Each structure stands twice: as structure tokens, then as C-alpha cells.
Amino acid sequence: MQKRNVLNSPRLLELKKRRRRIVLNKIFISLFGVLIIFILLAYLSCIDSLNITEIQIEGNKIVNTEALKIEVEKQIAGKYLWLFPKTNILYYPQNSIKNNLQNKFTRLKNINLSIQNNKILLVSVSEREPKYTWCGANEEGNDNQNCYFLDENGYIFDKAPYFSGEVYFKFYGVTDVGIPQSGSPTSVTGSYFSKQNFKQLISFKDILFNIGLKPIALWIKENGDIEVSLLKSALSSTVPKIIFRANADFQNVAENLEAALTTEPLQSKFKNNYSSLQYIDLRFGNKVFNKFSK
């Protein structure tokens, strides 16, 4: 009974209150100090010498400069936590700027950001070079006005204007994300055409050139066949084609084709009756089938 009274004595209760006040005061002072530092940092972050005041774009040839500036300005507008401006050169949103530009302008290949004179944000870009065109899922009936540029990796990055003649080698077939010919530009761009074996397709095309053929288009069909269209002669009414399987060894296919074209009777028929050639079929191993119109 006496022990309980000692624990609840006025003197001991006063000591507990005093200690509690000291702890609370320390917490208050610490929070106040953090708040002061926070406000000071917010103030310093707004100093003109630490903030971007100008945006410069370099390296672009096709993509509009003002359009690029507008997108960058959107990313550096506003503040973090309503206090820290996104224009501050120490923590401006570099990744956000790059990702947004890459998504908005698929023609851009590389994007580099740097600060010049402590106030100028320099956006250096390089653009993808058109190497080929992709003209939809189906070759038949294509009016050659719904084509898109591809780079050296098969990346579809921009709508291509209408070209008369065979300016770019054409690809047909669904893209890796299955976008059909009727897909809108915003859905088609940014995807790949046959990314897994695109390099092999280009290599096969180059081999055809090297053995004297003139391929102008390649179509990957849904049934697993690949058809390569050759430049037709002025006397021909049909486009001659080379047919093989998409899962075949392209190098072996090319070797079989070259061997067949240097062996009679195909060698003479190909040389003398090219205008009547309809197809050369390489889908059956080492056997090469061909058809000429009568």
C-alpha cells in the first residue's frame, strides 16, 4: 500500500510531466527545424540561376522543333510537392522527358539532355532513317498509299508518303503486335515487323540481289509461307515470285535457289523466258519447283 503511494506521489508525478514536456519540446523543435530547412530548400530551388529558362532543340530534320519544345515544356511545368519547381537543373525530370518524347515522336532514335550555361535545357536528338516500308497485312489490293517507314531493325516509325515506282523495298504481313493494314497511324507506329528474324529477311533479300535477281517486296503470309516478289519485265503481265517457308533455313534456301538458277533447264528458261516466270517454289527441301506461263 505504501509502495503504491510512493509511485503516485506528487513529486514523482511532477517529474513525469516535466520529462514529457521536455520530450514534446524536443519533438516540436525538431519538426520546426525540419520545416525551416524544407522551406529554405524550397526557396533556394526557385532561384533563377538554378532553373531552366530556355529550351533548345538540335539534331531534328523532320520532327517539328516547336512540337518538341511544347512536349518538353509540359514535362517541366508545375512543382513537386507544390513547392519544388520541376525546372530546377538539379532534379528536372530527365527520364520523363525522354520517355514522353520517344512515345510521342516514334521517328526519334536517340534523345540526350544537357544543361547549358546553368539555364538552357539542350535537347539533342537523332532521327531514324527510313530503309524500307511496311504496306499492310495484305498485298492484294494495296493502293501503295498506306505504307509506313521501317528502320534497319524493322521498327515502324512514321507514315510514308506515296511513291511511284520501287523507291523502297516493301514488306507485307501483320506486325509483331498483330496490327492489321487498316490500323491507325498511332497504333501501327512504334511496333515491329517480324523483329525476331528481320535481319535474316534482309540478308536473304541481299543474297537475291547478289545472284542477279531484283526483289522488290516480301510478304509473310498467315499460313507460314514467305513470298518474295521480283521486278517484272515490261512484257510480263504477272509479278514473278519466290516462295519458301518462314521457318526454313534462309541460308539453305538461298543456296538451293542459286544452285537451281545455274542448272539446266531452269538456267536457260530463266534467262530466255523471264517475262513468263510465275514462281519458283522452294518449300520442299532440296527440290525446286517452278512455273512459267505458256
Protein backbone atom coordinates (compact mmCIF):
# COMPACT_ATOMS: atom_id res chain seq x y z
CA MET A 1 0.00 0.00 0.00
CA GLN A 2 2.80 2.35 0.88
CA LYS A 3 4.69 1.44 -2.33
CA ARG A 4 1.69 2.40 -4.49
CA ASN A 5 1.51 5.77 -2.72
CA VAL A 6 5.19 6.39 -3.45
CA LEU A 7 4.67 5.75 -7.19
CA ASN A 8 1.76 8.18 -7.24
CA SER A 9 3.37 10.84 -5.12
CA PRO A 10 3.03 14.47 -6.26
CA ARG A 11 6.79 14.83 -6.64
CA LEU A 12 7.08 11.77 -8.90
CA LEU A 13 4.09 12.83 -11.00
CA GLU A 14 5.65 16.25 -11.48
CA LEU A 15 8.88 14.66 -12.67
CA LYS A 16 6.94 12.58 -15.19
CA LYS A 17 5.16 15.69 -16.50
CA ARG A 18 8.43 17.57 -16.78
CA ARG A 19 10.06 14.75 -18.74
CA ARG A 20 7.04 14.53 -21.02
CA ARG A 21 7.24 18.27 -21.69
CA ILE A 22 10.94 18.00 -22.48
CA VAL A 23 10.32 15.18 -24.98
CA LEU A 24 7.45 17.07 -26.62
CA ASN A 25 9.57 20.23 -26.81
CA LYS A 26 12.37 18.30 -28.48
CA ILE A 27 9.94 16.79 -30.98
CA PHE A 28 8.43 20.22 -31.68
CA ILE A 29 11.86 21.83 -32.12
CA SER A 30 12.96 19.01 -34.44
CA LEU A 31 9.82 19.29 -36.56
CA PHE A 32 10.14 23.06 -36.64
CA GLY A 33 13.77 22.72 -37.72
CA VAL A 34 12.83 20.29 -40.49
CA LEU A 35 10.10 22.66 -41.62
CA ILE A 36 12.52 25.59 -41.71
CA ILE A 37 15.02 23.54 -43.73
CA PHE A 38 12.23 22.39 -46.06
CA ILE A 39 11.07 25.98 -46.63
CA LEU A 40 14.65 27.16 -47.13
CA LEU A 41 15.31 24.44 -49.70
CA ALA A 42 12.08 25.32 -51.49
CA TYR A 43 13.15 28.96 -51.58
CA LEU A 44 16.63 28.14 -52.85
CA SER A 45 15.21 25.79 -55.51
CA CYS A 46 13.34 28.74 -57.03
CA ILE A 47 16.45 30.87 -57.56
CA ASP A 48 16.72 31.85 -61.24
CA SER A 49 20.32 30.68 -61.55
CA LEU A 50 19.19 27.13 -60.67
CA ASN A 51 16.23 26.94 -63.04
CA ILE A 52 15.74 26.27 -66.73
CA THR A 53 14.68 29.41 -68.55
CA GLU A 54 15.07 28.27 -72.16
CA ILE A 55 14.72 25.09 -74.21
CA GLN A 56 16.79 24.46 -77.32
CA ILE A 57 16.35 21.59 -79.79
CA GLU A 58 19.06 20.29 -82.12
CA GLY A 59 19.54 17.38 -84.48
CA ASN A 60 15.98 17.12 -85.79
CA LYS A 61 15.34 17.26 -89.53
CA ILE A 62 11.77 16.02 -89.92
CA VAL A 63 10.20 16.30 -86.47
CA ASN A 64 8.90 19.82 -85.83
CA THR A 65 11.01 21.86 -83.40
CA GLU A 66 8.08 23.70 -81.81
CA ALA A 67 6.21 20.45 -81.26
CA LEU A 68 9.24 19.05 -79.41
CA LYS A 69 9.51 22.19 -77.28
CA ILE A 70 5.85 22.05 -76.31
CA GLU A 71 6.18 18.46 -75.09
CA VAL A 72 9.30 19.27 -73.08
CA GLU A 73 7.59 22.31 -71.53
CA LYS A 74 4.71 20.11 -70.42
CA GLN A 75 7.09 17.81 -68.56
CA ILE A 76 8.88 20.60 -66.67
CA ALA A 77 5.74 22.56 -65.83
CA GLY A 78 4.50 22.57 -62.24
CA LYS A 79 6.19 21.64 -58.98
CA TYR A 80 7.00 18.66 -56.80
CA LEU A 81 5.00 18.72 -53.53
CA TRP A 82 3.65 22.14 -54.58
CA LEU A 83 6.99 23.72 -53.59
CA PHE A 84 9.89 22.48 -55.70
CA PRO A 85 9.85 23.59 -59.38
CA LYS A 86 10.42 20.89 -61.98
CA THR A 87 12.59 23.36 -63.90
CA ASN A 88 15.36 23.08 -61.33
CA ILE A 89 18.54 21.94 -63.09
CA LEU A 90 19.44 19.61 -60.20
CA TYR A 91 16.37 17.39 -60.44
CA TYR A 92 14.37 18.21 -63.58
CA PRO A 93 12.53 15.08 -64.85
CA GLN A 94 15.00 13.72 -67.39
CA ASN A 95 13.51 10.23 -67.72
CA SER A 96 10.01 11.59 -68.02
CA ILE A 97 11.08 13.96 -70.81
CA LYS A 98 12.86 11.23 -72.74
CA ASN A 99 10.06 8.69 -72.39
CA ASN A 100 7.40 11.19 -73.40
CA LEU A 101 9.30 12.35 -76.48
CA GLN A 102 10.01 8.76 -77.51
CA ASN A 103 6.32 7.85 -77.21
CA LYS A 104 5.06 10.98 -78.96
CA PHE A 105 7.61 11.03 -81.77
CA THR A 106 8.48 7.49 -82.84
CA ARG A 107 10.79 8.86 -85.54
CA LEU A 108 13.25 9.87 -82.81
CA LYS A 109 16.01 7.32 -82.33
CA ASN A 110 18.23 8.85 -79.61
CA ILE A 111 17.48 11.63 -77.11
CA ASN A 112 20.13 13.32 -74.95
CA LEU A 113 19.53 16.10 -72.41
CA SER A 114 22.10 18.54 -71.06
CA ILE A 115 22.16 21.88 -69.23
CA GLN A 116 24.00 24.75 -70.90
CA ASN A 117 25.03 27.92 -69.04
CA ASN A 118 23.04 26.75 -65.99
CA LYS A 119 19.75 27.80 -67.58
CA ILE A 120 19.35 26.31 -71.07
CA LEU A 121 17.98 22.80 -71.49
CA LEU A 122 19.54 21.44 -74.66
CA VAL A 123 17.62 18.54 -76.20
CA SER A 124 19.82 16.73 -78.74
CA VAL A 125 18.02 14.18 -80.89
CA SER A 126 18.75 11.89 -83.80
CA GLU A 127 16.07 10.58 -86.13
CA ARG A 128 15.50 7.15 -87.60
CA GLU A 129 16.45 6.79 -91.25
CA PRO A 130 13.85 5.13 -93.49
CA LYS A 131 15.27 1.97 -95.02
CA TYR A 132 12.15 0.05 -96.06
CA THR A 133 8.38 0.35 -95.99
CA TRP A 134 5.65 -1.79 -94.47
CA CYS A 135 2.45 -1.66 -96.51
CA GLY A 136 -0.09 -3.62 -94.53
CA ALA A 137 -1.19 -7.15 -93.86
CA ASN A 138 -2.33 -7.96 -97.40
CA GLU A 139 -0.52 -7.36 -100.66
CA GLU A 140 -3.56 -7.76 -102.89
CA GLY A 141 -5.47 -4.57 -103.47
CA ASN A 142 -3.00 -2.33 -101.63
CA ASP A 143 -3.03 1.10 -103.23
CA ASN A 144 0.54 1.85 -102.08
CA GLN A 145 -0.76 4.83 -100.12
CA ASN A 146 -0.98 3.15 -96.70
CA CYS A 147 2.68 2.41 -96.17
CA TYR A 148 4.91 3.19 -93.21
CA PHE A 149 8.64 3.63 -92.89
CA LEU A 150 10.80 0.95 -91.27
CA ASP A 151 14.33 1.40 -89.97
CA GLU A 152 17.15 -1.12 -90.26
CA ASN A 153 15.68 -3.18 -87.40
CA GLY A 154 12.13 -3.41 -88.75
CA TYR A 155 10.80 -0.72 -86.40
CA ILE A 156 7.74 1.06 -87.85
CA PHE A 157 8.09 4.75 -87.03
CA ASP A 158 6.20 7.02 -89.43
CA LYS A 159 3.68 7.20 -92.24
CA ALA A 160 5.32 7.12 -95.66
CA PRO A 161 4.19 9.39 -98.49
CA TYR A 162 3.08 7.95 -101.79
CA PHE A 163 5.95 6.87 -104.04
CA SER A 164 5.63 5.96 -107.69
CA GLY A 165 7.86 3.09 -108.67
CA GLU A 166 10.00 0.94 -106.43
CA VAL A 167 11.72 3.55 -104.23
CA TYR A 168 11.79 1.40 -101.08
CA PHE A 169 11.71 -2.35 -100.62
CA LYS A 170 8.24 -3.25 -99.31
CA PHE A 171 7.15 -5.67 -96.59
CA TYR A 172 3.66 -7.09 -96.17
CA GLY A 173 2.12 -9.07 -93.31
CA VAL A 174 0.96 -8.45 -89.76
CA THR A 175 3.32 -6.71 -87.38
CA ASP A 176 4.61 -8.32 -84.18
CA VAL A 177 1.64 -6.85 -82.28
CA GLY A 178 -0.85 -8.00 -84.90
CA ILE A 179 -1.85 -4.57 -86.25
CA PRO A 180 -3.77 -5.04 -89.50
CA GLN A 181 -3.48 -2.93 -92.61
CA SER A 182 -6.43 -0.80 -91.53
CA GLY A 183 -4.75 0.13 -88.23
CA SER A 184 -4.46 3.83 -87.47
CA PRO A 185 -1.03 5.51 -87.67
CA THR A 186 -0.91 5.94 -83.90
CA SER A 187 -1.38 2.21 -83.34
CA VAL A 188 0.91 0.98 -86.12
CA THR A 189 3.89 3.21 -85.39
CA GLY A 190 6.01 2.03 -82.53
CA SER A 191 5.65 -1.67 -83.40
CA TYR A 192 8.00 -4.03 -85.23
CA PHE A 193 7.65 -6.10 -88.34
CA SER A 194 9.00 -9.63 -87.78
CA LYS A 195 11.52 -8.44 -85.19
CA GLN A 196 12.76 -11.93 -84.41
CA ASN A 197 14.03 -12.71 -87.92
CA PHE A 198 14.05 -9.32 -89.65
CA LYS A 199 17.84 -9.38 -90.07
CA GLN A 200 17.57 -12.77 -91.76
CA LEU A 201 14.93 -11.44 -94.15
CA ILE A 202 17.16 -8.54 -95.11
CA SER A 203 20.11 -10.86 -95.54
CA PHE A 204 18.05 -13.10 -97.82
CA LYS A 205 16.96 -10.08 -99.86
CA ASP A 206 20.59 -9.02 -100.26
CA ILE A 207 21.58 -12.51 -101.38
CA LEU A 208 18.94 -12.35 -104.12
CA PHE A 209 20.44 -9.08 -105.32
CA ASN A 210 23.91 -10.60 -105.30
CA ILE A 211 22.87 -13.51 -107.52
CA GLY A 212 21.35 -11.15 -110.08
CA LEU A 213 17.69 -11.05 -109.05
CA LYS A 214 15.73 -7.89 -108.32
CA PRO A 215 13.44 -8.39 -105.29
CA ILE A 216 11.00 -5.55 -104.69
CA ALA A 217 8.73 -6.83 -101.89
CA LEU A 218 8.34 -9.58 -99.32
CA TRP A 219 5.10 -10.92 -97.91
CA ILE A 220 4.85 -13.10 -94.79
CA LYS A 221 1.54 -14.92 -95.12
CA GLU A 222 -0.61 -16.28 -92.31
CA ASN A 223 -0.11 -19.87 -93.47
CA GLY A 224 3.64 -19.65 -92.76
CA ASP A 225 4.75 -19.06 -96.34
CA ILE A 226 7.01 -16.23 -97.44
CA GLU A 227 6.66 -14.82 -100.94
CA VAL A 228 9.31 -12.55 -102.43
CA SER A 229 8.13 -10.53 -105.41
CA LEU A 230 10.66 -9.86 -108.17
CA LEU A 231 10.71 -6.93 -110.54
CA LYS A 232 8.66 -7.91 -113.54
CA SER A 233 9.77 -7.26 -117.10
CA ALA A 234 7.98 -4.84 -119.39
CA LEU A 235 6.49 -7.80 -121.27
CA SER A 236 5.23 -9.62 -118.19
CA SER A 237 1.61 -9.49 -117.05
CA THR A 238 2.30 -11.06 -113.64
CA VAL A 239 4.84 -10.42 -110.89
CA PRO A 240 7.22 -13.40 -110.54
CA LYS A 241 7.63 -14.74 -107.01
CA ILE A 242 9.95 -16.87 -104.95
CA ILE A 243 8.14 -18.96 -102.33
CA PHE A 244 9.60 -20.63 -99.23
CA ARG A 245 8.64 -21.41 -95.65
CA ALA A 246 9.08 -18.86 -92.86
CA ASN A 247 10.60 -21.49 -90.56
CA ALA A 248 13.16 -22.63 -93.14
CA ASP A 249 16.91 -22.07 -93.00
CA PHE A 250 17.17 -18.93 -95.12
CA GLN A 251 20.79 -19.57 -96.00
CA ASN A 252 19.97 -23.05 -97.22
CA VAL A 253 17.01 -21.72 -99.22
CA ALA A 254 19.28 -19.17 -100.89
CA GLU A 255 21.86 -21.83 -101.74
CA ASN A 256 19.19 -24.11 -103.26
CA LEU A 257 17.86 -21.21 -105.32
CA GLU A 258 21.30 -20.23 -106.59
CA ALA A 259 22.09 -23.84 -107.47
CA ALA A 260 18.79 -24.20 -109.37
CA LEU A 261 19.36 -20.99 -111.34
CA THR A 262 22.75 -22.23 -112.51
CA THR A 263 21.49 -25.67 -113.52
CA GLU A 264 19.66 -26.64 -116.68
CA PRO A 265 16.89 -26.49 -117.71
CA LEU A 266 15.92 -23.66 -115.29
CA GLN A 267 19.01 -21.65 -116.16
CA SER A 268 18.02 -21.28 -119.82
CA LYS A 269 14.32 -20.85 -119.11
CA PHE A 270 15.03 -18.14 -116.57
CA LYS A 271 17.36 -16.31 -118.96
CA ASN A 272 15.25 -16.57 -122.10
CA ASN A 273 11.71 -16.60 -120.71
CA TYR A 274 11.89 -14.44 -117.60
CA SER A 275 8.81 -12.45 -118.67
CA SER A 276 6.70 -15.62 -118.42
CA LEU A 277 8.00 -16.72 -114.98
CA GLN A 278 5.22 -17.08 -112.40
CA TYR A 279 7.04 -18.56 -109.44
CA ILE A 280 9.97 -20.56 -108.08
CA ASP A 281 8.87 -22.74 -105.18
CA LEU A 282 11.48 -23.63 -102.53
CA ARG A 283 9.19 -25.08 -99.86
CA PHE A 284 10.12 -28.72 -100.37
CA GLY A 285 13.68 -29.18 -99.14
CA ASN A 286 16.26 -29.51 -101.91
CA LYS A 287 13.55 -29.84 -104.55
CA VAL A 288 12.92 -26.67 -106.56
CA PHE A 289 9.68 -26.28 -108.47
CA ASN A 290 8.97 -23.56 -110.99
CA LYS A 291 6.22 -22.47 -113.29
CA PHE A 292 6.32 -20.43 -116.50
CA SER A 293 3.20 -19.31 -118.31
CA LYS A 294 2.74 -20.70 -121.77
